[in-house]
Amino acid sequence: MTTVQRVKDDLRQMRLGRALFVGDAGLYARANLAELSKGAGRYILATPIGRVKEIKDEVLSRPGRYAEITPNLRATEVIMGQGERRRRYILCLNAEAAEREKHRREAILELLRLELERLGDDHPKAACRLIASKRFGPYLSLDVQGRPFIDRAKVRRAEQLDGKFVLTTNDDSLSAADIALGDKGMWIIEACFRKLKTTGLGIRPMFHWTPRRIVAHVKLCVLALMIQRAAEIATEAPWSQLVDVLERLKAVRYTAEGETIVQASRIGPELAAILKTLDIARPEPILAVG
């Protein structure tokens, strides 16, 4: 809650006309919702599906047709309650994520069947390990003899959640598409941050135990998005396409007879054009000798 308050104070100093706070399920708490709503504040937050009873029992079971947002993303709106106390939820379905989760669960169930086959008559300790397992436990129940078995009802409930996530907002001016795409914008920032962490910058491990580390995390996320968007605007090309070309530029290390040479890979016409557009100097063919 103190982190949210700090961010809102910083935004207030920037005198923005309108600010929309987008966060993941880790920020979903009554204290944070109250803080985000102060001063007519607006937010989009992901919700923890399995932890909030209203979402688990009501939102996910509401009938309704999904509207297509993008080829792989669909959404439907669910309103709970009435008047000023009403809660607005957006139930989203990501087709790609659903397919990934289906394949992952099938692999887990196959391993679980093998584990169950290995259980002998003297099984209590092994059975307890399976039941307590975060990977296998959600699909298991115990029979009358205390032996674990794959509970098909639990598997079906898990299948119903494939690719689904729920967002909530207090901004009535946003459509369901705006909300779903707003959350997707946060994914872009996080993807940028992951890229930053894998390019040799010495920022790992990133712990969030102190305010200065939280501030550093947020600033790096914003910096990552700014770099990506600046490149996209300058080249008029999507970031995924730019990455495919930029990753061709590598530093290759050769060692022979005790001598080491670091040489840049060959720069093709497409890569050269992007570097020129972004006003980035082409690296020298030989980067280091020694």
C-alpha atoms as a PDB file:
ATOM      1  CA  MET A   1       0.000   0.000   0.000  1.00  0.00           C
ATOM      2  CA  THR A   2       2.842   2.418   0.742  1.00  0.00           C
ATOM      3  CA  THR A   3       4.334   1.660  -2.679  1.00  0.00           C
ATOM      4  CA  VAL A   4       1.063   2.523  -4.410  1.00  0.00           C
ATOM      5  CA  GLN A   5       0.832   5.767  -2.427  1.00  0.00           C
ATOM      6  CA  ARG A   6       4.401   6.665  -3.407  1.00  0.00           C
ATOM      7  CA  VAL A   7       3.702   6.085  -7.103  1.00  0.00           C
ATOM      8  CA  LYS A   8       0.530   8.181  -6.964  1.00  0.00           C
ATOM      9  CA  ASP A   9       2.391  11.021  -5.256  1.00  0.00           C
ATOM     10  CA  ASP A  10       5.069  10.933  -7.960  1.00  0.00           C
ATOM     11  CA  LEU A  11       2.441  11.034 -10.710  1.00  0.00           C
ATOM     12  CA  ARG A  12       0.667  13.924  -9.020  1.00  0.00           C
ATOM     13  CA  GLN A  13       3.866  15.969  -9.148  1.00  0.00           C
ATOM     14  CA  MET A  14       3.989  15.429 -12.917  1.00  0.00           C
ATOM     15  CA  ARG A  15       0.586  17.183 -13.238  1.00  0.00           C
ATOM     16  CA  LEU A  16      -0.786  14.723 -15.746  1.00  0.00           C
ATOM     17  CA  GLY A  17      -4.271  15.306 -17.089  1.00  0.00           C
ATOM     18  CA  ARG A  18      -5.233  11.695 -16.496  1.00  0.00           C
ATOM     19  CA  ALA A  19      -3.415   8.677 -15.120  1.00  0.00           C
ATOM     20  CA  LEU A  20      -4.515   5.039 -15.209  1.00  0.00           C
ATOM     21  CA  PHE A  21      -2.774   2.616 -12.842  1.00  0.00           C
ATOM     22  CA  VAL A  22      -2.324  -0.891 -14.299  1.00  0.00           C
ATOM     23  CA  GLY A  23      -1.115  -3.656 -12.011  1.00  0.00           C
ATOM     24  CA  ASP A  24      -0.925  -7.429 -11.678  1.00  0.00           C
ATOM     25  CA  ALA A  25      -2.688  -9.694  -9.203  1.00  0.00           C
ATOM     26  CA  GLY A  26      -0.012  -9.125  -6.572  1.00  0.00           C
ATOM     27  CA  LEU A  27      -1.462  -5.655  -5.977  1.00  0.00           C
ATOM     28  CA  TYR A  28      -5.032  -6.880  -5.551  1.00  0.00           C
ATOM     29  CA  ALA A  29      -5.954  -6.079  -1.953  1.00  0.00           C
ATOM     30  CA  ARG A  30      -8.644  -3.943  -0.344  1.00  0.00           C
ATOM     31  CA  ALA A  31      -6.111  -1.485   1.016  1.00  0.00           C
ATOM     32  CA  ASN A  32      -4.567  -0.989  -2.435  1.00  0.00           C
ATOM     33  CA  LEU A  33      -7.972  -0.649  -4.129  1.00  0.00           C
ATOM     34  CA  ALA A  34      -8.941   2.036  -1.608  1.00  0.00           C
ATOM     35  CA  GLU A  35      -5.647   3.889  -2.096  1.00  0.00           C
ATOM     36  CA  LEU A  36      -5.878   3.722  -5.880  1.00  0.00           C
ATOM     37  CA  SER A  37      -9.453   5.079  -5.794  1.00  0.00           C
ATOM     38  CA  LYS A  38      -8.567   8.170  -3.749  1.00  0.00           C
ATOM     39  CA  GLY A  39      -8.785  11.495  -5.526  1.00  0.00           C
ATOM     40  CA  ALA A  40     -10.857  10.016  -8.371  1.00  0.00           C
ATOM     41  CA  GLY A  41      -7.979   7.664  -9.181  1.00  0.00           C
ATOM     42  CA  ARG A  42      -8.550   5.038 -11.841  1.00  0.00           C
ATOM     43  CA  TYR A  43      -7.066   1.569 -12.104  1.00  0.00           C
ATOM     44  CA  ILE A  44      -7.008  -1.728 -13.992  1.00  0.00           C
ATOM     45  CA  LEU A  45      -5.877  -4.654 -11.858  1.00  0.00           C
ATOM     46  CA  ALA A  46      -5.540  -8.353 -12.528  1.00  0.00           C
ATOM     47  CA  THR A  47      -7.259 -10.445  -9.876  1.00  0.00           C
ATOM     48  CA  PRO A  48      -6.175 -13.677  -8.151  1.00  0.00           C
ATOM     49  CA  ILE A  49      -8.821 -16.043  -9.535  1.00  0.00           C
ATOM     50  CA  GLY A  50      -8.364 -18.814  -6.999  1.00  0.00           C
ATOM     51  CA  ARG A  51      -8.215 -16.583  -3.918  1.00  0.00           C
ATOM     52  CA  VAL A  52     -11.278 -14.334  -4.304  1.00  0.00           C
ATOM     53  CA  LYS A  53     -14.537 -16.225  -3.679  1.00  0.00           C
ATOM     54  CA  GLU A  54     -16.712 -13.824  -5.674  1.00  0.00           C
ATOM     55  CA  ILE A  55     -14.533 -14.227  -8.748  1.00  0.00           C
ATOM     56  CA  LYS A  56     -14.132 -17.985  -8.391  1.00  0.00           C
ATOM     57  CA  ASP A  57     -17.810 -18.718  -7.731  1.00  0.00           C
ATOM     58  CA  GLU A  58     -19.622 -15.957  -9.618  1.00  0.00           C
ATOM     59  CA  VAL A  59     -17.570 -14.244 -12.305  1.00  0.00           C
ATOM     60  CA  LEU A  60     -16.131 -17.395 -13.882  1.00  0.00           C
ATOM     61  CA  SER A  61     -19.543 -19.092 -13.976  1.00  0.00           C
ATOM     62  CA  ARG A  62     -21.521 -16.223 -15.519  1.00  0.00           C
ATOM     63  CA  PRO A  63     -22.828 -17.124 -18.997  1.00  0.00           C
ATOM     64  CA  GLY A  64     -22.035 -14.704 -21.803  1.00  0.00           C
ATOM     65  CA  ARG A  65     -20.452 -14.414 -25.200  1.00  0.00           C
ATOM     66  CA  TYR A  66     -16.864 -13.310 -25.608  1.00  0.00           C
ATOM     67  CA  ALA A  67     -16.070 -10.369 -27.872  1.00  0.00           C
ATOM     68  CA  GLU A  68     -12.931 -10.626 -29.974  1.00  0.00           C
ATOM     69  CA  ILE A  69     -10.278  -8.077 -28.975  1.00  0.00           C
ATOM     70  CA  THR A  70      -7.352  -9.452 -30.987  1.00  0.00           C
ATOM     71  CA  PRO A  71      -7.019 -12.730 -32.912  1.00  0.00           C
ATOM     72  CA  ASN A  72      -5.826 -14.481 -29.720  1.00  0.00           C
ATOM     73  CA  LEU A  73      -7.652 -12.451 -27.072  1.00  0.00           C
ATOM     74  CA  ARG A  74     -11.369 -12.379 -26.255  1.00  0.00           C
ATOM     75  CA  ALA A  75     -13.232 -10.758 -23.365  1.00  0.00           C
ATOM     76  CA  THR A  76     -16.641 -10.431 -21.750  1.00  0.00           C
ATOM     77  CA  GLU A  77     -17.869  -8.042 -19.043  1.00  0.00           C
ATOM     78  CA  VAL A  78     -19.384  -9.109 -15.717  1.00  0.00           C
ATOM     79  CA  ILE A  79     -21.010  -6.627 -13.294  1.00  0.00           C
ATOM     80  CA  MET A  80     -21.463  -7.632  -9.657  1.00  0.00           C
ATOM     81  CA  GLY A  81     -23.660  -5.631  -7.298  1.00  0.00           C
ATOM     82  CA  GLN A  82     -25.501  -2.372  -7.937  1.00  0.00           C
ATOM     83  CA  GLY A  83     -25.030   1.368  -7.561  1.00  0.00           C
ATOM     84  CA  GLU A  84     -21.807   2.798  -6.179  1.00  0.00           C
ATOM     85  CA  ARG A  85     -20.863  -0.543  -4.646  1.00  0.00           C
ATOM     86  CA  ARG A  86     -20.946  -2.433  -7.916  1.00  0.00           C
ATOM     87  CA  ARG A  87     -17.804  -4.217  -9.047  1.00  0.00           C
ATOM     88  CA  ARG A  88     -16.830  -4.358 -12.689  1.00  0.00           C
ATOM     89  CA  TYR A  89     -14.897  -7.393 -13.926  1.00  0.00           C
ATOM     90  CA  ILE A  90     -13.579  -8.292 -17.374  1.00  0.00           C
ATOM     91  CA  LEU A  91     -13.218 -12.028 -17.991  1.00  0.00           C
ATOM     92  CA  CYS A  92     -10.545 -12.574 -20.649  1.00  0.00           C
ATOM     93  CA  LEU A  93      -9.563 -15.634 -22.649  1.00  0.00           C
ATOM     94  CA  ASN A  94      -6.140 -15.925 -24.269  1.00  0.00           C
ATOM     95  CA  ALA A  95      -6.205 -18.704 -26.879  1.00  0.00           C
ATOM     96  CA  GLU A  96      -2.413 -19.124 -27.017  1.00  0.00           C
ATOM     97  CA  ALA A  97      -2.134 -19.362 -23.234  1.00  0.00           C
ATOM     98  CA  ALA A  98      -5.018 -21.861 -23.147  1.00  0.00           C
ATOM     99  CA  GLU A  99      -3.198 -24.127 -25.571  1.00  0.00           C
ATOM    100  CA  ARG A 100       0.051 -23.887 -23.577  1.00  0.00           C
ATOM    101  CA  GLU A 101      -1.695 -24.669 -20.297  1.00  0.00           C
ATOM    102  CA  LYS A 102      -3.491 -27.641 -21.860  1.00  0.00           C
ATOM    103  CA  HIS A 103      -0.236 -29.207 -23.069  1.00  0.00           C
ATOM    104  CA  ARG A 104       1.484 -28.494 -19.756  1.00  0.00           C
ATOM    105  CA  ARG A 105      -1.323 -30.149 -17.780  1.00  0.00           C
ATOM    106  CA  GLU A 106      -1.310 -33.213 -20.053  1.00  0.00           C
ATOM    107  CA  ALA A 107       2.412 -33.642 -19.412  1.00  0.00           C
ATOM    108  CA  ILE A 108       1.904 -33.279 -15.648  1.00  0.00           C
ATOM    109  CA  LEU A 109      -0.939 -35.824 -15.625  1.00  0.00           C
ATOM    110  CA  GLU A 110       1.186 -38.306 -17.545  1.00  0.00           C
ATOM    111  CA  LEU A 111       3.963 -37.976 -14.951  1.00  0.00           C
ATOM    112  CA  LEU A 112       1.379 -38.249 -12.173  1.00  0.00           C
ATOM    113  CA  ARG A 113       0.036 -41.537 -13.578  1.00  0.00           C
ATOM    114  CA  LEU A 114       3.554 -42.954 -13.511  1.00  0.00           C
ATOM    115  CA  GLU A 115       4.050 -41.768  -9.928  1.00  0.00           C
ATOM    116  CA  LEU A 116       0.776 -43.405  -8.839  1.00  0.00           C
ATOM    117  CA  GLU A 117       1.743 -46.675 -10.516  1.00  0.00           C
ATOM    118  CA  ARG A 118       4.967 -46.729  -8.483  1.00  0.00           C
ATOM    119  CA  LEU A 119       3.126 -46.524  -5.173  1.00  0.00           C
ATOM    120  CA  GLY A 120       3.291 -49.850  -3.367  1.00  0.00           C
ATOM    121  CA  ASP A 121       1.276 -51.180  -0.448  1.00  0.00           C
ATOM    122  CA  ASP A 122       3.452 -49.222   1.982  1.00  0.00           C
ATOM    123  CA  HIS A 123       2.659 -45.851   0.471  1.00  0.00           C
ATOM    124  CA  PRO A 124       1.864 -43.242   3.187  1.00  0.00           C
ATOM    125  CA  LYS A 125       5.007 -41.123   2.862  1.00  0.00           C
ATOM    126  CA  ALA A 126       5.065 -41.177  -0.940  1.00  0.00           C
ATOM    127  CA  ALA A 127       1.327 -40.451  -1.050  1.00  0.00           C
ATOM    128  CA  CYS A 128       1.737 -37.480   1.276  1.00  0.00           C
ATOM    129  CA  ARG A 129       4.485 -36.082  -0.933  1.00  0.00           C
ATOM    130  CA  LEU A 130       2.213 -36.287  -3.972  1.00  0.00           C
ATOM    131  CA  ILE A 131      -0.751 -34.689  -2.186  1.00  0.00           C
ATOM    132  CA  ALA A 132       1.445 -31.851  -0.864  1.00  0.00           C
ATOM    133  CA  SER A 133       3.070 -31.267  -4.255  1.00  0.00           C
ATOM    134  CA  LYS A 134       2.182 -27.946  -5.889  1.00  0.00           C
ATOM    135  CA  ARG A 135       2.476 -29.630  -9.275  1.00  0.00           C
ATOM    136  CA  PHE A 136       0.505 -32.832  -8.640  1.00  0.00           C
ATOM    137  CA  GLY A 137      -1.632 -31.984  -5.594  1.00  0.00           C
ATOM    138  CA  PRO A 138      -4.305 -29.901  -7.380  1.00  0.00           C
ATOM    139  CA  TYR A 139      -5.355 -32.950  -9.411  1.00  0.00           C
ATOM    140  CA  LEU A 140      -5.455 -35.506  -6.580  1.00  0.00           C
ATOM    141  CA  SER A 141      -7.977 -36.748  -4.042  1.00  0.00           C
ATOM    142  CA  LEU A 142      -7.920 -39.640  -1.530  1.00  0.00           C
ATOM    143  CA  ASP A 143     -10.080 -42.747  -1.732  1.00  0.00           C
ATOM    144  CA  VAL A 144     -11.648 -44.502   1.291  1.00  0.00           C
ATOM    145  CA  GLN A 145      -8.386 -46.369   1.900  1.00  0.00           C
ATOM    146  CA  GLY A 146      -6.393 -43.136   1.923  1.00  0.00           C
ATOM    147  CA  ARG A 147      -4.716 -43.782  -1.420  1.00  0.00           C
ATOM    148  CA  PRO A 148      -4.367 -40.835  -3.842  1.00  0.00           C
ATOM    149  CA  PHE A 149      -6.072 -40.951  -7.224  1.00  0.00           C
ATOM    150  CA  ILE A 150      -6.501 -38.522 -10.126  1.00  0.00           C
ATOM    151  CA  ASP A 151      -9.750 -36.646  -9.489  1.00  0.00           C
ATOM    152  CA  ARG A 152     -11.401 -36.090 -12.868  1.00  0.00           C
ATOM    153  CA  ALA A 153     -13.645 -33.362 -11.427  1.00  0.00           C
ATOM    154  CA  LYS A 154     -10.579 -31.371 -10.385  1.00  0.00           C
ATOM    155  CA  VAL A 155      -9.033 -31.899 -13.823  1.00  0.00           C
ATOM    156  CA  ARG A 156     -12.216 -30.612 -15.494  1.00  0.00           C
ATOM    157  CA  ARG A 157     -12.257 -27.531 -13.247  1.00  0.00           C
ATOM    158  CA  ALA A 158      -8.659 -26.822 -14.195  1.00  0.00           C
ATOM    159  CA  GLU A 159      -9.521 -27.221 -17.880  1.00  0.00           C
ATOM    160  CA  GLN A 160     -12.254 -24.594 -17.531  1.00  0.00           C
ATOM    161  CA  LEU A 161      -9.636 -22.045 -16.428  1.00  0.00           C
ATOM    162  CA  ASP A 162      -7.252 -22.592 -19.336  1.00  0.00           C
ATOM    163  CA  GLY A 163      -6.161 -19.250 -20.765  1.00  0.00           C
ATOM    164  CA  LYS A 164      -8.583 -17.286 -18.578  1.00  0.00           C
ATOM    165  CA  PHE A 165      -7.789 -14.295 -16.396  1.00  0.00           C
ATOM    166  CA  VAL A 166      -9.974 -11.678 -14.745  1.00  0.00           C
ATOM    167  CA  LEU A 167      -9.406  -7.932 -14.624  1.00  0.00           C
ATOM    168  CA  THR A 168     -11.207  -5.364 -12.516  1.00  0.00           C
ATOM    169  CA  THR A 169     -11.517  -1.600 -12.923  1.00  0.00           C
ATOM    170  CA  ASN A 170     -13.291   1.397 -11.452  1.00  0.00           C
ATOM    171  CA  ASP A 171     -13.175   3.383 -14.708  1.00  0.00           C
ATOM    172  CA  ASP A 172     -16.578   3.287 -16.420  1.00  0.00           C
ATOM    173  CA  SER A 173     -15.287   5.283 -19.391  1.00  0.00           C
ATOM    174  CA  LEU A 174     -13.226   2.288 -20.568  1.00  0.00           C
ATOM    175  CA  SER A 175     -14.687  -0.421 -22.773  1.00  0.00           C
ATOM    176  CA  ALA A 176     -13.934  -4.096 -22.233  1.00  0.00           C
ATOM    177  CA  ALA A 177     -11.479  -3.889 -25.149  1.00  0.00           C
ATOM    178  CA  ASP A 178      -9.731  -0.864 -23.597  1.00  0.00           C
ATOM    179  CA  ILE A 179      -9.323  -2.737 -20.317  1.00  0.00           C
ATOM    180  CA  ALA A 180      -8.012  -5.938 -21.899  1.00  0.00           C
ATOM    181  CA  LEU A 181      -5.553  -4.020 -24.074  1.00  0.00           C
ATOM    182  CA  GLY A 182      -4.520  -1.843 -21.123  1.00  0.00           C
ATOM    183  CA  ASP A 183      -3.510  -4.964 -19.226  1.00  0.00           C
ATOM    184  CA  LYS A 184      -1.729  -6.229 -22.335  1.00  0.00           C
ATOM    185  CA  GLY A 185       0.271  -2.974 -22.320  1.00  0.00           C
ATOM    186  CA  MET A 186       1.652  -3.999 -18.934  1.00  0.00           C
ATOM    187  CA  TRP A 187       2.798  -7.293 -20.484  1.00  0.00           C
ATOM    188  CA  ILE A 188       4.787  -5.252 -23.021  1.00  0.00           C
ATOM    189  CA  ILE A 189       6.549  -3.367 -20.224  1.00  0.00           C
ATOM    190  CA  GLU A 190       7.346  -6.610 -18.414  1.00  0.00           C
ATOM    191  CA  ALA A 191       8.657  -8.157 -21.644  1.00  0.00           C
ATOM    192  CA  CYS A 192      10.930  -5.136 -22.077  1.00  0.00           C
ATOM    193  CA  PHE A 193      12.181  -5.549 -18.514  1.00  0.00           C
ATOM    194  CA  ARG A 194      12.945  -9.234 -19.097  1.00  0.00           C
ATOM    195  CA  LYS A 195      14.937  -8.256 -22.181  1.00  0.00           C
ATOM    196  CA  LEU A 196      16.894  -5.719 -20.140  1.00  0.00           C
ATOM    197  CA  LYS A 197      17.776  -8.393 -17.589  1.00  0.00           C
ATOM    198  CA  THR A 198      19.224 -10.684 -20.271  1.00  0.00           C
ATOM    199  CA  THR A 199      21.449  -8.206 -22.122  1.00  0.00           C
ATOM    200  CA  GLY A 200      24.363  -8.207 -19.696  1.00  0.00           C
ATOM    201  CA  LEU A 201      23.232  -5.394 -17.384  1.00  0.00           C
ATOM    202  CA  GLY A 202      24.263  -6.305 -13.846  1.00  0.00           C
ATOM    203  CA  ILE A 203      20.846  -5.982 -12.190  1.00  0.00           C
ATOM    204  CA  ARG A 204      20.232  -9.574 -11.101  1.00  0.00           C
ATOM    205  CA  PRO A 205      19.073 -10.658  -8.591  1.00  0.00           C
ATOM    206  CA  MET A 206      16.242  -8.125  -8.223  1.00  0.00           C
ATOM    207  CA  PHE A 207      14.822  -8.160  -4.711  1.00  0.00           C
ATOM    208  CA  HIS A 208      11.868  -6.031  -3.675  1.00  0.00           C
ATOM    209  CA  TRP A 209      12.563  -5.713   0.012  1.00  0.00           C
ATOM    210  CA  THR A 210      13.526  -2.052   0.056  1.00  0.00           C
ATOM    211  CA  PRO A 211      11.927   1.067  -1.486  1.00  0.00           C
ATOM    212  CA  ARG A 212      15.016   1.906  -3.561  1.00  0.00           C
ATOM    213  CA  ARG A 213      14.864  -1.467  -5.314  1.00  0.00           C
ATOM    214  CA  ILE A 214      11.174  -1.030  -6.066  1.00  0.00           C
ATOM    215  CA  VAL A 215      11.900   2.419  -7.506  1.00  0.00           C
ATOM    216  CA  ALA A 216      14.723   0.968  -9.601  1.00  0.00           C
ATOM    217  CA  HIS A 217      12.419  -1.763 -10.925  1.00  0.00           C
ATOM    218  CA  VAL A 218       9.723   0.725 -11.971  1.00  0.00           C
ATOM    219  CA  LYS A 219      12.226   3.085 -13.600  1.00  0.00           C
ATOM    220  CA  LEU A 220      13.847   0.272 -15.564  1.00  0.00           C
ATOM    221  CA  CYS A 221      10.434  -0.886 -16.776  1.00  0.00           C
ATOM    222  CA  VAL A 222       9.607   2.612 -17.995  1.00  0.00           C
ATOM    223  CA  LEU A 223      13.045   2.985 -19.597  1.00  0.00           C
ATOM    224  CA  ALA A 224      12.612  -0.368 -21.376  1.00  0.00           C
ATOM    225  CA  LEU A 225       9.247   0.640 -22.802  1.00  0.00           C
ATOM    226  CA  MET A 226      10.583   4.033 -23.911  1.00  0.00           C
ATOM    227  CA  ILE A 227      13.518   2.386 -25.727  1.00  0.00           C
ATOM    228  CA  GLN A 228      11.204  -0.066 -27.455  1.00  0.00           C
ATOM    229  CA  ARG A 229       8.645   2.545 -28.484  1.00  0.00           C
ATOM    230  CA  ALA A 230      11.332   4.966 -29.690  1.00  0.00           C
ATOM    231  CA  ALA A 231      12.739   2.226 -31.932  1.00  0.00           C
ATOM    232  CA  GLU A 232       9.292   1.261 -33.243  1.00  0.00           C
ATOM    233  CA  ILE A 233       8.352   4.856 -34.031  1.00  0.00           C
ATOM    234  CA  ALA A 234      11.654   5.633 -35.756  1.00  0.00           C
ATOM    235  CA  THR A 235      11.657   2.492 -37.927  1.00  0.00           C
ATOM    236  CA  GLU A 236       7.875   2.140 -38.346  1.00  0.00           C
ATOM    237  CA  ALA A 237       8.275  -1.565 -37.579  1.00  0.00           C
ATOM    238  CA  PRO A 238       7.014  -3.742 -34.679  1.00  0.00           C
ATOM    239  CA  TRP A 239       9.475  -4.559 -31.921  1.00  0.00           C
ATOM    240  CA  SER A 240       9.284  -8.308 -32.599  1.00  0.00           C
ATOM    241  CA  GLN A 241      10.560  -7.695 -36.139  1.00  0.00           C
ATOM    242  CA  LEU A 242      13.312  -5.358 -34.940  1.00  0.00           C
ATOM    243  CA  VAL A 243      14.528  -7.873 -32.364  1.00  0.00           C
ATOM    244  CA  ASP A 244      14.845 -10.599 -34.997  1.00  0.00           C
ATOM    245  CA  VAL A 245      17.160  -8.355 -37.024  1.00  0.00           C
ATOM    246  CA  LEU A 246      19.103  -6.775 -34.153  1.00  0.00           C
ATOM    247  CA  GLU A 247      19.900 -10.159 -32.619  1.00  0.00           C
ATOM    248  CA  ARG A 248      21.995 -10.964 -35.689  1.00  0.00           C
ATOM    249  CA  LEU A 249      24.624  -8.540 -34.392  1.00  0.00           C
ATOM    250  CA  LYS A 250      26.917 -10.508 -32.106  1.00  0.00           C
ATOM    251  CA  ALA A 251      30.430 -10.340 -30.675  1.00  0.00           C
ATOM    252  CA  VAL A 252      32.391 -13.494 -31.510  1.00  0.00           C
ATOM    253  CA  ARG A 253      35.466 -14.472 -29.481  1.00  0.00           C
ATOM    254  CA  TYR A 254      38.311 -16.406 -31.160  1.00  0.00           C
ATOM    255  CA  THR A 255      41.247 -17.855 -29.223  1.00  0.00           C
ATOM    256  CA  ALA A 256      44.305 -19.355 -30.903  1.00  0.00           C
ATOM    257  CA  GLU A 257      47.913 -19.799 -29.762  1.00  0.00           C
ATOM    258  CA  GLY A 258      47.252 -17.841 -26.581  1.00  0.00           C
ATOM    259  CA  GLU A 259      45.825 -14.822 -28.407  1.00  0.00           C
ATOM    260  CA  THR A 260      42.180 -13.747 -28.268  1.00  0.00           C
ATOM    261  CA  ILE A 261      40.315 -11.661 -30.842  1.00  0.00           C
ATOM    262  CA  VAL A 262      36.782 -10.334 -30.352  1.00  0.00           C
ATOM    263  CA  GLN A 263      35.147  -9.649 -33.702  1.00  0.00           C
ATOM    264  CA  ALA A 264      31.713  -8.278 -34.626  1.00  0.00           C
ATOM    265  CA  SER A 265      29.511 -10.431 -36.838  1.00  0.00           C
ATOM    266  CA  ARG A 266      28.843  -9.328 -40.403  1.00  0.00           C
ATOM    267  CA  ILE A 267      26.258  -6.562 -40.757  1.00  0.00           C
ATOM    268  CA  GLY A 268      23.788  -7.189 -43.565  1.00  0.00           C
ATOM    269  CA  PRO A 269      21.825  -4.529 -45.481  1.00  0.00           C
ATOM    270  CA  GLU A 270      18.666  -4.874 -43.333  1.00  0.00           C
ATOM    271  CA  LEU A 271      20.578  -4.540 -40.057  1.00  0.00           C
ATOM    272  CA  ALA A 272      22.638  -1.652 -41.442  1.00  0.00           C
ATOM    273  CA  ALA A 273      19.458   0.210 -42.406  1.00  0.00           C
ATOM    274  CA  ILE A 274      17.991  -0.171 -38.902  1.00  0.00           C
ATOM    275  CA  LEU A 275      21.189   1.020 -37.216  1.00  0.00           C
ATOM    276  CA  LYS A 276      21.273   4.044 -39.507  1.00  0.00           C
ATOM    277  CA  THR A 277      17.624   4.881 -38.825  1.00  0.00           C
ATOM    278  CA  LEU A 278      18.191   4.622 -35.069  1.00  0.00           C
ATOM    279  CA  ASP A 279      21.356   6.721 -35.336  1.00  0.00           C
ATOM    280  CA  ILE A 280      23.461   3.935 -33.827  1.00  0.00           C
ATOM    281  CA  ALA A 281      27.092   3.761 -34.966  1.00  0.00           C
ATOM    282  CA  ARG A 282      28.128   0.517 -36.624  1.00  0.00           C
ATOM    283  CA  PRO A 283      30.641  -1.384 -34.444  1.00  0.00           C
ATOM    284  CA  GLU A 284      34.204  -1.790 -35.660  1.00  0.00           C
ATOM    285  CA  PRO A 285      34.947  -5.199 -37.236  1.00  0.00           C
ATOM    286  CA  ILE A 286      37.611  -5.931 -34.575  1.00  0.00           C
ATOM    287  CA  LEU A 287      36.380  -5.073 -31.080  1.00  0.00           C
ATOM    288  CA  ALA A 288      39.328  -6.255 -28.986  1.00  0.00           C
ATOM    289  CA  VAL A 289      42.664  -8.018 -29.288  1.00  0.00           C
ATOM    290  CA  GLY A 290      44.607  -9.526 -26.412  1.00  0.00           C
END
